[in-house]
């Protein structure tokens, strides 16, 4: 809900898939974006850690044919919009390495 609210308040149209699929949100601005939402609630040293692979019997990474972006919410409620092409194939990332993808806080 936090990711959908961020996009909606930023002027995007947001929808949820009607059938199970690899993305959580379809976000439409100039072009549609398939967005997978992840959280990072574990800190390691000075960085939040986020698992990007899906859970199940075997962890599976996301492919650029399945999603376009990860919307990551860390434990400090900072938001990141990271292109899957940048982190494709990774199971886990440290968000301190992706500061350039941190989104601005919305003014209310």
PDB file of N, CA and C in Angstrom:
ATOM      1  N   UNK A   1       0.818  -1.192   0.000  1.00  0.00           N
ATOM      2  CA  UNK A   1       0.000   0.000   0.000  1.00  0.00           C
ATOM      3  C   UNK A   1       0.867   1.263   0.000  1.00  0.00           C
ATOM      4  N   UNK A   2       2.016   1.218   0.699  1.00  0.00           N
ATOM      5  CA  UNK A   2       2.887   2.393   0.718  1.00  0.00           C
ATOM      6  C   UNK A   2       3.423   2.705  -0.677  1.00  0.00           C
ATOM      7  N   UNK A   3       3.793   1.681  -1.411  1.00  0.00           N
ATOM      8  CA  UNK A   3       4.306   1.892  -2.766  1.00  0.00           C
ATOM      9  C   UNK A   3       3.207   2.461  -3.661  1.00  0.00           C
ATOM     10  N   UNK A   4       2.023   1.879  -3.604  1.00  0.00           N
ATOM     11  CA  UNK A   4       0.907   2.361  -4.421  1.00  0.00           C
ATOM     12  C   UNK A   4       0.571   3.809  -4.065  1.00  0.00           C
ATOM     13  N   UNK A   5       0.586   4.131  -2.781  1.00  0.00           N
ATOM     14  CA  UNK A   5       0.294   5.502  -2.354  1.00  0.00           C
ATOM     15  C   UNK A   5       1.358   6.467  -2.868  1.00  0.00           C
ATOM     16  N   UNK A   6       2.640   6.067  -2.812  1.00  0.00           N
ATOM     17  CA  UNK A   6       3.702   6.949  -3.306  1.00  0.00           C
ATOM     18  C   UNK A   6       3.488   7.264  -4.785  1.00  0.00           C
ATOM     19  N   UNK A   7       3.219   6.235  -5.575  1.00  0.00           N
ATOM     20  CA  UNK A   7       3.001   6.459  -7.007  1.00  0.00           C
ATOM     21  C   UNK A   7       1.754   7.306  -7.259  1.00  0.00           C
ATOM     22  N   UNK A   8       0.660   6.991  -6.582  1.00  0.00           N
ATOM     23  CA  UNK A   8      -0.587   7.739  -6.791  1.00  0.00           C
ATOM     24  C   UNK A   8      -0.415   9.212  -6.420  1.00  0.00           C
ATOM     25  N   UNK A   9       0.241   9.476  -5.290  1.00  0.00           N
ATOM     26  CA  UNK A   9       0.461  10.858  -4.866  1.00  0.00           C
ATOM     27  C   UNK A   9       1.459  11.593  -5.760  1.00  0.00           C
ATOM     28  N   UNK A  10       2.240  10.825  -6.521  1.00  0.00           N
ATOM     29  CA  UNK A  10       3.191  11.415  -7.467  1.00  0.00           C
ATOM     30  C   UNK A  10       2.583  11.594  -8.856  1.00  0.00           C
ATOM     31  N   UNK A  11       1.290  11.282  -8.995  1.00  0.00           N
ATOM     32  CA  UNK A  11       0.599  11.529 -10.250  1.00  0.00           C
ATOM     33  C   UNK A  11       0.505  10.355 -11.207  1.00  0.00           C
ATOM     34  N   UNK A  12       0.881   9.178 -10.765  1.00  0.00           N
ATOM     35  CA  UNK A  12       0.790   7.980 -11.611  1.00  0.00           C
ATOM     36  C   UNK A  12      -0.544   7.276 -11.400  1.00  0.00           C
ATOM     37  N   UNK A  13      -0.977   6.536 -12.389  1.00  0.00           N
ATOM     38  CA  UNK A  13      -2.104   5.621 -12.230  1.00  0.00           C
ATOM     39  C   UNK A  13      -1.541   4.290 -11.761  1.00  0.00           C
ATOM     40  N   UNK A  14      -2.219   3.651 -10.823  1.00  0.00           N
ATOM     41  CA  UNK A  14      -1.733   2.410 -10.229  1.00  0.00           C
ATOM     42  C   UNK A  14      -2.823   1.356 -10.296  1.00  0.00           C
ATOM     43  N   UNK A  15      -2.438   0.152 -10.678  1.00  0.00           N
ATOM     44  CA  UNK A  15      -3.383  -0.965 -10.626  1.00  0.00           C
ATOM     45  C   UNK A  15      -2.667  -2.214 -10.144  1.00  0.00           C
ATOM     46  N   UNK A  16      -3.457  -3.164  -9.648  1.00  0.00           N
ATOM     47  CA  UNK A  16      -2.946  -4.433  -9.177  1.00  0.00           C
ATOM     48  C   UNK A  16      -3.339  -5.507 -10.182  1.00  0.00           C
ATOM     49  N   UNK A  17      -2.496  -6.490 -10.413  1.00  0.00           N
ATOM     50  CA  UNK A  17      -2.851  -7.559 -11.355  1.00  0.00           C
ATOM     51  C   UNK A  17      -4.029  -8.373 -10.825  1.00  0.00           C
ATOM     52  N   UNK A  18      -4.894  -8.796 -11.729  1.00  0.00           N
ATOM     53  CA  UNK A  18      -6.056  -9.595 -11.341  1.00  0.00           C
ATOM     54  C   UNK A  18      -5.698 -11.064 -11.152  1.00  0.00           C
ATOM     55  N   UNK A  19      -4.637 -11.498 -11.788  1.00  0.00           N
ATOM     56  CA  UNK A  19      -4.192 -12.880 -11.674  1.00  0.00           C
ATOM     57  C   UNK A  19      -2.794 -12.892 -11.076  1.00  0.00           C
ATOM     58  N   UNK A  20      -2.403 -13.995 -10.453  1.00  0.00           N
ATOM     59  CA  UNK A  20      -1.043 -14.065  -9.911  1.00  0.00           C
ATOM     60  C   UNK A  20       0.003 -13.864 -11.009  1.00  0.00           C
ATOM     61  N   UNK A  21       0.970 -13.020 -10.733  1.00  0.00           N
ATOM     62  CA  UNK A  21       2.072 -12.800 -11.667  1.00  0.00           C
ATOM     63  C   UNK A  21       3.287 -12.343 -10.865  1.00  0.00           C
ATOM     64  N   UNK A  22       4.380 -12.084 -11.518  1.00  0.00           N
ATOM     65  CA  UNK A  22       5.645 -11.782 -10.847  1.00  0.00           C
ATOM     66  C   UNK A  22       5.740 -10.341 -10.352  1.00  0.00           C
ATOM     67  N   UNK A  23       4.854  -9.448 -10.794  1.00  0.00           N
ATOM     68  CA  UNK A  23       4.917  -8.066 -10.304  1.00  0.00           C
ATOM     69  C   UNK A  23       3.734  -7.799  -9.379  1.00  0.00           C
ATOM     70  N   UNK A  24       3.915  -6.813  -8.503  1.00  0.00           N
ATOM     71  CA  UNK A  24       2.873  -6.451  -7.539  1.00  0.00           C
ATOM     72  C   UNK A  24       1.976  -5.328  -8.024  1.00  0.00           C
ATOM     73  N   UNK A  25       2.553  -4.387  -8.780  1.00  0.00           N
ATOM     74  CA  UNK A  25       1.808  -3.216  -9.241  1.00  0.00           C
ATOM     75  C   UNK A  25       2.088  -2.962 -10.716  1.00  0.00           C
ATOM     76  N   UNK A  26       1.089  -2.461 -11.402  1.00  0.00           N
ATOM     77  CA  UNK A  26       1.272  -1.912 -12.733  1.00  0.00           C
ATOM     78  C   UNK A  26       1.098  -0.409 -12.581  1.00  0.00           C
ATOM     79  N   UNK A  27       2.164   0.329 -12.879  1.00  0.00           N
ATOM     80  CA  UNK A  27       2.173   1.776 -12.694  1.00  0.00           C
ATOM     81  C   UNK A  27       2.253   2.415 -14.073  1.00  0.00           C
ATOM     82  N   UNK A  28       1.332   3.360 -14.329  1.00  0.00           N
ATOM     83  CA  UNK A  28       1.284   3.971 -15.654  1.00  0.00           C
ATOM     84  C   UNK A  28       1.493   5.479 -15.537  1.00  0.00           C
ATOM     85  N   UNK A  29       2.514   5.929 -16.226  1.00  0.00           N
ATOM     86  CA  UNK A  29       2.802   7.350 -16.405  1.00  0.00           C
ATOM     87  C   UNK A  29       2.913   7.549 -17.901  1.00  0.00           C
ATOM     88  N   UNK A  30       4.095   7.943 -18.362  1.00  0.00           N
ATOM     89  CA  UNK A  30       4.330   8.027 -19.807  1.00  0.00           C
ATOM     90  C   UNK A  30       4.315   6.635 -20.430  1.00  0.00           C
ATOM     91  N   UNK A  31       4.845   5.657 -19.715  1.00  0.00           N
ATOM     92  CA  UNK A  31       4.857   4.263 -20.151  1.00  0.00           C
ATOM     93  C   UNK A  31       4.514   3.377 -18.966  1.00  0.00           C
ATOM     94  N   UNK A  32       3.925   2.209 -19.203  1.00  0.00           N
ATOM     95  CA  UNK A  32       3.616   1.307 -18.084  1.00  0.00           C
ATOM     96  C   UNK A  32       4.889   0.707 -17.487  1.00  0.00           C
ATOM     97  N   UNK A  33       4.868   0.513 -16.168  1.00  0.00           N
ATOM     98  CA  UNK A  33       5.985  -0.097 -15.448  1.00  0.00           C
ATOM     99  C   UNK A  33       5.448  -1.243 -14.596  1.00  0.00           C
ATOM    100  N   UNK A  34       6.091  -2.401 -14.699  1.00  0.00           N
ATOM    101  CA  UNK A  34       5.762  -3.529 -13.827  1.00  0.00           C
ATOM    102  C   UNK A  34       6.681  -3.433 -12.615  1.00  0.00           C
ATOM    103  N   UNK A  35       6.075  -3.281 -11.445  1.00  0.00           N
ATOM    104  CA  UNK A  35       6.838  -2.988 -10.235  1.00  0.00           C
ATOM    105  C   UNK A  35       6.664  -4.108  -9.212  1.00  0.00           C
ATOM    106  N   UNK A  36       7.782  -4.621  -8.740  1.00  0.00           N
ATOM    107  CA  UNK A  36       7.797  -5.600  -7.654  1.00  0.00           C
ATOM    108  C   UNK A  36       8.188  -4.870  -6.379  1.00  0.00           C
ATOM    109  N   UNK A  37       7.385  -4.988  -5.334  1.00  0.00           N
ATOM    110  CA  UNK A  37       7.630  -4.282  -4.076  1.00  0.00           C
ATOM    111  C   UNK A  37       8.387  -5.198  -3.110  1.00  0.00           C
ATOM    112  N   UNK A  38       9.444  -4.659  -2.512  1.00  0.00           N
ATOM    113  CA  UNK A  38      10.246  -5.393  -1.528  1.00  0.00           C
ATOM    114  C   UNK A  38      10.490  -4.499  -0.323  1.00  0.00           C
ATOM    115  N   UNK A  39      10.783  -5.127   0.815  1.00  0.00           N
ATOM    116  CA  UNK A  39      11.130  -4.371   2.016  1.00  0.00           C
ATOM    117  C   UNK A  39      12.508  -4.796   2.496  1.00  0.00           C
ATOM    118  N   UNK A  40      13.145  -3.898   3.207  1.00  0.00           N
ATOM    119  CA  UNK A  40      14.434  -4.182   3.833  1.00  0.00           C
ATOM    120  C   UNK A  40      14.363  -3.799   5.286  1.00  0.00           C
ATOM    121  N   UNK A  41      14.219  -4.774   6.161  1.00  0.00           N
ATOM    122  CA  UNK A  41      14.061  -4.493   7.582  1.00  0.00           C
ATOM    123  C   UNK A  41      15.232  -4.991   8.415  1.00  0.00           C
ATOM    124  N   UNK A  42      16.258  -5.496   7.746  1.00  0.00           N
ATOM    125  CA  UNK A  42      17.456  -5.978   8.437  1.00  0.00           C
ATOM    126  C   UNK A  42      18.599  -5.025   8.135  1.00  0.00           C
ATOM    127  N   UNK A  43      19.322  -4.628   9.183  1.00  0.00           N
ATOM    128  CA  UNK A  43      20.495  -3.758   9.004  1.00  0.00           C
ATOM    129  C   UNK A  43      21.754  -4.590   9.163  1.00  0.00           C
ATOM    130  N   UNK A  44      22.683  -4.320   8.274  1.00  0.00           N
ATOM    131  CA  UNK A  44      24.002  -4.930   8.379  1.00  0.00           C
ATOM    132  C   UNK A  44      25.000  -3.791   8.301  1.00  0.00           C
ATOM    133  N   UNK A  45      25.722  -3.577   9.395  1.00  0.00           N
ATOM    134  CA  UNK A  45      26.606  -2.417   9.535  1.00  0.00           C
ATOM    135  C   UNK A  45      25.758  -1.154   9.371  1.00  0.00           C
ATOM    136  N   UNK A  46      26.019  -0.321   8.383  1.00  0.00           N
ATOM    137  CA  UNK A  46      25.255   0.921   8.240  1.00  0.00           C
ATOM    138  C   UNK A  46      24.298   0.871   7.050  1.00  0.00           C
ATOM    139  N   UNK A  47      23.934  -0.314   6.594  1.00  0.00           N
ATOM    140  CA  UNK A  47      23.091  -0.431   5.402  1.00  0.00           C
ATOM    141  C   UNK A  47      21.904  -1.352   5.646  1.00  0.00           C
ATOM    142  N   UNK A  48      20.788  -1.003   5.043  1.00  0.00           N
ATOM    143  CA  UNK A  48      19.637  -1.890   5.040  1.00  0.00           C
ATOM    144  C   UNK A  48      19.863  -2.967   3.982  1.00  0.00           C
ATOM    145  N   UNK A  49      19.444  -4.184   4.304  1.00  0.00           N
ATOM    146  CA  UNK A  49      19.604  -5.329   3.408  1.00  0.00           C
ATOM    147  C   UNK A  49      18.231  -5.716   2.883  1.00  0.00           C
ATOM    148  N   UNK A  50      18.151  -5.972   1.581  1.00  0.00           N
ATOM    149  CA  UNK A  50      16.879  -6.351   0.953  1.00  0.00           C
ATOM    150  C   UNK A  50      17.063  -7.604   0.113  1.00  0.00           C
ATOM    151  N   UNK A  51      16.182  -8.562   0.313  1.00  0.00           N
ATOM    152  CA  UNK A  51      16.145  -9.761  -0.526  1.00  0.00           C
ATOM    153  C   UNK A  51      15.327  -9.446  -1.760  1.00  0.00           C
ATOM    154  N   UNK A  52      15.905  -9.663  -2.930  1.00  0.00           N
ATOM    155  CA  UNK A  52      15.209  -9.397  -4.189  1.00  0.00           C
ATOM    156  C   UNK A  52      14.607 -10.644  -4.808  1.00  0.00           C
ATOM    157  N   UNK A  53      15.039 -11.802  -4.388  1.00  0.00           N
ATOM    158  CA  UNK A  53      14.504 -13.034  -4.976  1.00  0.00           C
ATOM    159  C   UNK A  53      13.199 -13.404  -4.286  1.00  0.00           C
ATOM    160  N   UNK A  54      12.379 -14.179  -4.991  1.00  0.00           N
ATOM    161  CA  UNK A  54      11.098 -14.599  -4.433  1.00  0.00           C
ATOM    162  C   UNK A  54      11.297 -15.826  -3.568  1.00  0.00           C
ATOM    163  N   UNK A  55      10.406 -15.990  -2.615  1.00  0.00           N
ATOM    164  CA  UNK A  55      10.499 -17.139  -1.717  1.00  0.00           C
ATOM    165  C   UNK A  55       9.751 -18.322  -2.308  1.00  0.00           C
ATOM    166  N   UNK A  56       9.972 -19.448  -1.755  1.00  0.00           N
ATOM    167  CA  UNK A  56       9.375 -20.698  -2.214  1.00  0.00           C
ATOM    168  C   UNK A  56      10.321 -21.815  -1.841  1.00  0.00           C
ATOM    169  N   UNK A  57      10.158 -22.953  -2.449  1.00  0.00           N
ATOM    170  CA  UNK A  57      11.065 -24.054  -2.134  1.00  0.00           C
ATOM    171  C   UNK A  57      12.483 -23.724  -2.578  1.00  0.00           C
ATOM    172  N   UNK A  58      12.599 -22.949  -3.655  1.00  0.00           N
ATOM    173  CA  UNK A  58      13.898 -22.472  -4.146  1.00  0.00           C
ATOM    174  C   UNK A  58      13.760 -20.981  -4.423  1.00  0.00           C
ATOM    175  N   UNK A  59      14.697 -20.179  -3.907  1.00  0.00           N
ATOM    176  CA  UNK A  59      14.654 -18.737  -4.175  1.00  0.00           C
ATOM    177  C   UNK A  59      14.885 -18.504  -5.658  1.00  0.00           C
ATOM    178  N   UNK A  60      14.053 -17.651  -6.243  1.00  0.00           N
ATOM    179  CA  UNK A  60      14.115 -17.387  -7.682  1.00  0.00           C
ATOM    180  C   UNK A  60      14.304 -15.895  -7.924  1.00  0.00           C
ATOM    181  N   UNK A  61      15.287 -15.535  -8.749  1.00  0.00           N
ATOM    182  CA  UNK A  61      15.523 -14.126  -9.073  1.00  0.00           C
ATOM    183  C   UNK A  61      14.516 -13.668 -10.121  1.00  0.00           C
ATOM    184  N   UNK A  62      14.380 -12.354 -10.233  1.00  0.00           N
ATOM    185  CA  UNK A  62      13.464 -11.756 -11.202  1.00  0.00           C
ATOM    186  C   UNK A  62      14.196 -11.459 -12.497  1.00  0.00           C
ATOM    187  N   UNK A  63      13.485 -11.595 -13.582  1.00  0.00           N
ATOM    188  CA  UNK A  63      14.030 -11.416 -14.915  1.00  0.00           C
ATOM    189  C   UNK A  63      13.473 -10.125 -15.516  1.00  0.00           C
ATOM    190  N   UNK A  64      14.245  -9.404 -16.341  1.00  0.00           N
ATOM    191  CA  UNK A  64      13.729  -8.185 -16.981  1.00  0.00           C
ATOM    192  C   UNK A  64      12.514  -8.427 -17.881  1.00  0.00           C
ATOM    193  N   UNK A  65      12.251  -9.658 -18.252  1.00  0.00           N
ATOM    194  CA  UNK A  65      11.031  -9.956 -19.007  1.00  0.00           C
ATOM    195  C   UNK A  65       9.804 -10.022 -18.109  1.00  0.00           C
ATOM    196  N   UNK A  66      10.025 -10.092 -16.786  1.00  0.00           N
ATOM    197  CA  UNK A  66       8.919 -10.235 -15.830  1.00  0.00           C
ATOM    198  C   UNK A  66       8.556  -8.929 -15.138  1.00  0.00           C
ATOM    199  N   UNK A  67       9.567  -8.142 -14.796  1.00  0.00           N
ATOM    200  CA  UNK A  67       9.329  -6.865 -14.102  1.00  0.00           C
ATOM    201  C   UNK A  67      10.267  -5.805 -14.670  1.00  0.00           C
ATOM    202  N   UNK A  68       9.952  -4.548 -14.367  1.00  0.00           N
ATOM    203  CA  UNK A  68      10.796  -3.432 -14.809  1.00  0.00           C
ATOM    204  C   UNK A  68      11.569  -2.789 -13.656  1.00  0.00           C
ATOM    205  N   UNK A  69      10.936  -2.718 -12.482  1.00  0.00           N
ATOM    206  CA  UNK A  69      11.532  -2.028 -11.339  1.00  0.00           C
ATOM    207  C   UNK A  69      11.242  -2.760 -10.043  1.00  0.00           C
ATOM    208  N   UNK A  70      12.145  -2.571  -9.083  1.00  0.00           N
ATOM    209  CA  UNK A  70      11.889  -2.910  -7.687  1.00  0.00           C
ATOM    210  C   UNK A  70      11.596  -1.608  -6.958  1.00  0.00           C
ATOM    211  N   UNK A  71      10.490  -1.561  -6.244  1.00  0.00           N
ATOM    212  CA  UNK A  71      10.210  -0.458  -5.323  1.00  0.00           C
ATOM    213  C   UNK A  71      10.552  -1.012  -3.949  1.00  0.00           C
ATOM    214  N   UNK A  72      11.604  -0.478  -3.326  1.00  0.00           N
ATOM    215  CA  UNK A  72      12.082  -1.015  -2.057  1.00  0.00           C
ATOM    216  C   UNK A  72      11.794  -0.010  -0.950  1.00  0.00           C
ATOM    217  N   UNK A  73      11.251  -0.515   0.147  1.00  0.00           N
ATOM    218  CA  UNK A  73      10.986   0.296   1.337  1.00  0.00           C
ATOM    219  C   UNK A  73      11.912  -0.220   2.432  1.00  0.00           C
ATOM    220  N   UNK A  74      12.778   0.658   2.952  1.00  0.00           N
ATOM    221  CA  UNK A  74      13.688   0.194   4.000  1.00  0.00           C
ATOM    222  C   UNK A  74      13.089   0.434   5.385  1.00  0.00           C
ATOM    223  N   UNK A  75      13.809   0.006   6.404  1.00  0.00           N
ATOM    224  CA  UNK A  75      13.325   0.116   7.777  1.00  0.00           C
ATOM    225  C   UNK A  75      13.201   1.533   8.294  1.00  0.00           C
ATOM    226  N   UNK A  76      13.767   2.500   7.592  1.00  0.00           N
ATOM    227  CA  UNK A  76      13.625   3.918   7.950  1.00  0.00           C
ATOM    228  C   UNK A  76      12.507   4.586   7.156  1.00  0.00           C
ATOM    229  N   UNK A  77      11.780   3.797   6.387  1.00  0.00           N
ATOM    230  CA  UNK A  77      10.711   4.260   5.501  1.00  0.00           C
ATOM    231  C   UNK A  77      11.230   5.163   4.390  1.00  0.00           C
ATOM    232  N   UNK A  78      12.447   4.914   3.945  1.00  0.00           N
ATOM    233  CA  UNK A  78      12.951   5.530   2.722  1.00  0.00           C
ATOM    234  C   UNK A  78      12.570   4.611   1.571  1.00  0.00           C
ATOM    235  N   UNK A  79      12.322   5.197   0.416  1.00  0.00           N
ATOM    236  CA  UNK A  79      11.866   4.443  -0.751  1.00  0.00           C
ATOM    237  C   UNK A  79      12.912   4.507  -1.858  1.00  0.00           C
ATOM    238  N   UNK A  80      13.034   3.416  -2.594  1.00  0.00           N
ATOM    239  CA  UNK A  80      13.965   3.320  -3.716  1.00  0.00           C
ATOM    240  C   UNK A  80      13.215   2.755  -4.911  1.00  0.00           C
ATOM    241  N   UNK A  81      13.512   3.249  -6.088  1.00  0.00           N
ATOM    242  CA  UNK A  81      12.978   2.692  -7.322  1.00  0.00           C
ATOM    243  C   UNK A  81      14.180   2.264  -8.160  1.00  0.00           C
ATOM    244  N   UNK A  82      14.456   0.968  -8.126  1.00  0.00           N
ATOM    245  CA  UNK A  82      15.676   0.425  -8.730  1.00  0.00           C
ATOM    246  C   UNK A  82      15.310  -0.377  -9.975  1.00  0.00           C
ATOM    247  N   UNK A  83      15.867  -0.029 -11.125  1.00  0.00           N
ATOM    248  CA  UNK A  83      15.594  -0.795 -12.341  1.00  0.00           C
ATOM    249  C   UNK A  83      16.094  -2.234 -12.199  1.00  0.00           C
ATOM    250  N   UNK A  84      15.295  -3.177 -12.651  1.00  0.00           N
ATOM    251  CA  UNK A  84      15.708  -4.578 -12.557  1.00  0.00           C
ATOM    252  C   UNK A  84      16.986  -4.815 -13.354  1.00  0.00           C
ATOM    253  N   UNK A  85      17.213  -4.049 -14.400  1.00  0.00           N
ATOM    254  CA  UNK A  85      18.427  -4.212 -15.203  1.00  0.00           C
ATOM    255  C   UNK A  85      19.691  -3.917 -14.391  1.00  0.00           C
ATOM    256  N   UNK A  86      19.578  -3.110 -13.346  1.00  0.00           N
ATOM    257  CA  UNK A  86      20.727  -2.748 -12.514  1.00  0.00           C
ATOM    258  C   UNK A  86      21.061  -3.861 -11.522  1.00  0.00           C
ATOM    259  N   UNK A  87      20.046  -4.570 -11.052  1.00  0.00           N
ATOM    260  CA  UNK A  87      20.254  -5.588 -10.013  1.00  0.00           C
ATOM    261  C   UNK A  87      19.822  -6.983 -10.462  1.00  0.00           C
ATOM    262  N   UNK A  88      19.556  -7.149 -11.749  1.00  0.00           N
ATOM    263  CA  UNK A  88      19.099  -8.433 -12.267  1.00  0.00           C
ATOM    264  C   UNK A  88      20.047  -9.562 -11.907  1.00  0.00           C
ATOM    265  N   UNK A  89      19.501 -10.636 -11.402  1.00  0.00           N
ATOM    266  CA  UNK A  89      20.289 -11.803 -11.034  1.00  0.00           C
ATOM    267  C   UNK A  89      20.733 -11.820  -9.583  1.00  0.00           C
ATOM    268  N   UNK A  90      20.605 -10.693  -8.864  1.00  0.00           N
ATOM    269  CA  UNK A  90      21.000 -10.654  -7.455  1.00  0.00           C
ATOM    270  C   UNK A  90      19.878 -11.202  -6.587  1.00  0.00           C
ATOM    271  N   UNK A  91      20.269 -11.946  -5.563  1.00  0.00           N
ATOM    272  CA  UNK A  91      19.305 -12.418  -4.576  1.00  0.00           C
ATOM    273  C   UNK A  91      19.113 -11.389  -3.461  1.00  0.00           C
ATOM    274  N   UNK A  92      20.191 -10.686  -3.128  1.00  0.00           N
ATOM    275  CA  UNK A  92      20.161  -9.750  -2.007  1.00  0.00           C
ATOM    276  C   UNK A  92      21.033  -8.541  -2.352  1.00  0.00           C
ATOM    277  N   UNK A  93      20.614  -7.360  -1.864  1.00  0.00           N
ATOM    278  CA  UNK A  93      21.420  -6.147  -2.056  1.00  0.00           C
ATOM    279  C   UNK A  93      21.504  -5.367  -0.755  1.00  0.00           C
ATOM    280  N   UNK A  94      22.539  -4.536  -0.664  1.00  0.00           N
ATOM    281  CA  UNK A  94      22.687  -3.572   0.423  1.00  0.00           C
ATOM    282  C   UNK A  94      22.281  -2.225  -0.161  1.00  0.00           C
ATOM    283  N   UNK A  95      21.278  -1.603   0.408  1.00  0.00           N
ATOM    284  CA  UNK A  95      20.715  -0.384  -0.172  1.00  0.00           C
ATOM    285  C   UNK A  95      21.679   0.796  -0.172  1.00  0.00           C
ATOM    286  N   UNK A  96      22.692   0.790   0.674  1.00  0.00           N
ATOM    287  CA  UNK A  96      23.660   1.894   0.665  1.00  0.00           C
ATOM    288  C   UNK A  96      24.379   2.002  -0.681  1.00  0.00           C
ATOM    289  N   UNK A  97      24.414   0.923  -1.447  1.00  0.00           N
ATOM    290  CA  UNK A  97      25.055   0.950  -2.775  1.00  0.00           C
ATOM    291  C   UNK A  97      24.131   1.510  -3.855  1.00  0.00           C
ATOM    292  N   UNK A  98      22.882   1.812  -3.489  1.00  0.00           N
ATOM    293  CA  UNK A  98      21.889   2.254  -4.484  1.00  0.00           C
ATOM    294  C   UNK A  98      21.252   3.586  -4.099  1.00  0.00           C
ATOM    295  N   UNK A  99      22.016   4.442  -3.431  1.00  0.00           N
ATOM    296  CA  UNK A  99      21.515   5.749  -2.997  1.00  0.00           C
ATOM    297  C   UNK A  99      20.983   6.590  -4.155  1.00  0.00           C
ATOM    298  N   UNK A 100      21.560   6.449  -5.347  1.00  0.00           N
ATOM    299  CA  UNK A 100      21.120   7.254  -6.494  1.00  0.00           C
ATOM    300  C   UNK A 100      19.684   6.911  -6.903  1.00  0.00           C
ATOM    301  N   UNK A 101      19.144   5.812  -6.417  1.00  0.00           N
ATOM    302  CA  UNK A 101      17.774   5.412  -6.743  1.00  0.00           C
ATOM    303  C   UNK A 101      16.782   5.707  -5.616  1.00  0.00           C
ATOM    304  N   UNK A 102      17.265   6.391  -4.556  1.00  0.00           N
ATOM    305  CA  UNK A 102      16.360   6.745  -3.464  1.00  0.00           C
ATOM    306  C   UNK A 102      15.396   7.826  -3.945  1.00  0.00           C
ATOM    307  N   UNK A 103      14.136   7.666  -3.618  1.00  0.00           N
ATOM    308  CA  UNK A 103      13.094   8.600  -4.055  1.00  0.00           C
ATOM    309  C   UNK A 103      12.915   9.719  -3.033  1.00  0.00           C
ATOM    310  N   UNK A 104      12.464  10.877  -3.495  1.00  0.00           N
ATOM    311  CA  UNK A 104      12.215  11.983  -2.559  1.00  0.00           C
ATOM    312  C   UNK A 104      10.999  11.686  -1.687  1.00  0.00           C
ATOM    313  N   UNK A 105      11.028  12.221  -0.481  1.00  0.00           N
ATOM    314  CA  UNK A 105       9.856  12.124   0.388  1.00  0.00           C
ATOM    315  C   UNK A 105       8.806  13.087  -0.137  1.00  0.00           C
ATOM    316  N   UNK A 106       7.570  12.639  -0.123  1.00  0.00           N
ATOM    317  CA  UNK A 106       6.480  13.495  -0.611  1.00  0.00           C
ATOM    318  C   UNK A 106       6.096  14.498   0.467  1.00  0.00           C
ATOM    319  N   UNK A 107       5.831  15.689   0.042  1.00  0.00           N
ATOM    320  CA  UNK A 107       5.387  16.738   0.962  1.00  0.00           C
ATOM    321  C   UNK A 107       3.867  16.670   1.072  1.00  0.00           C
ATOM    322  N   UNK A 108       3.369  16.682   2.264  1.00  0.00           N
ATOM    323  CA  UNK A 108       1.925  16.554   2.447  1.00  0.00           C
ATOM    324  C   UNK A 108       1.345  17.769   2.880  1.00  0.00           C
TER     325      UNK A 108
END
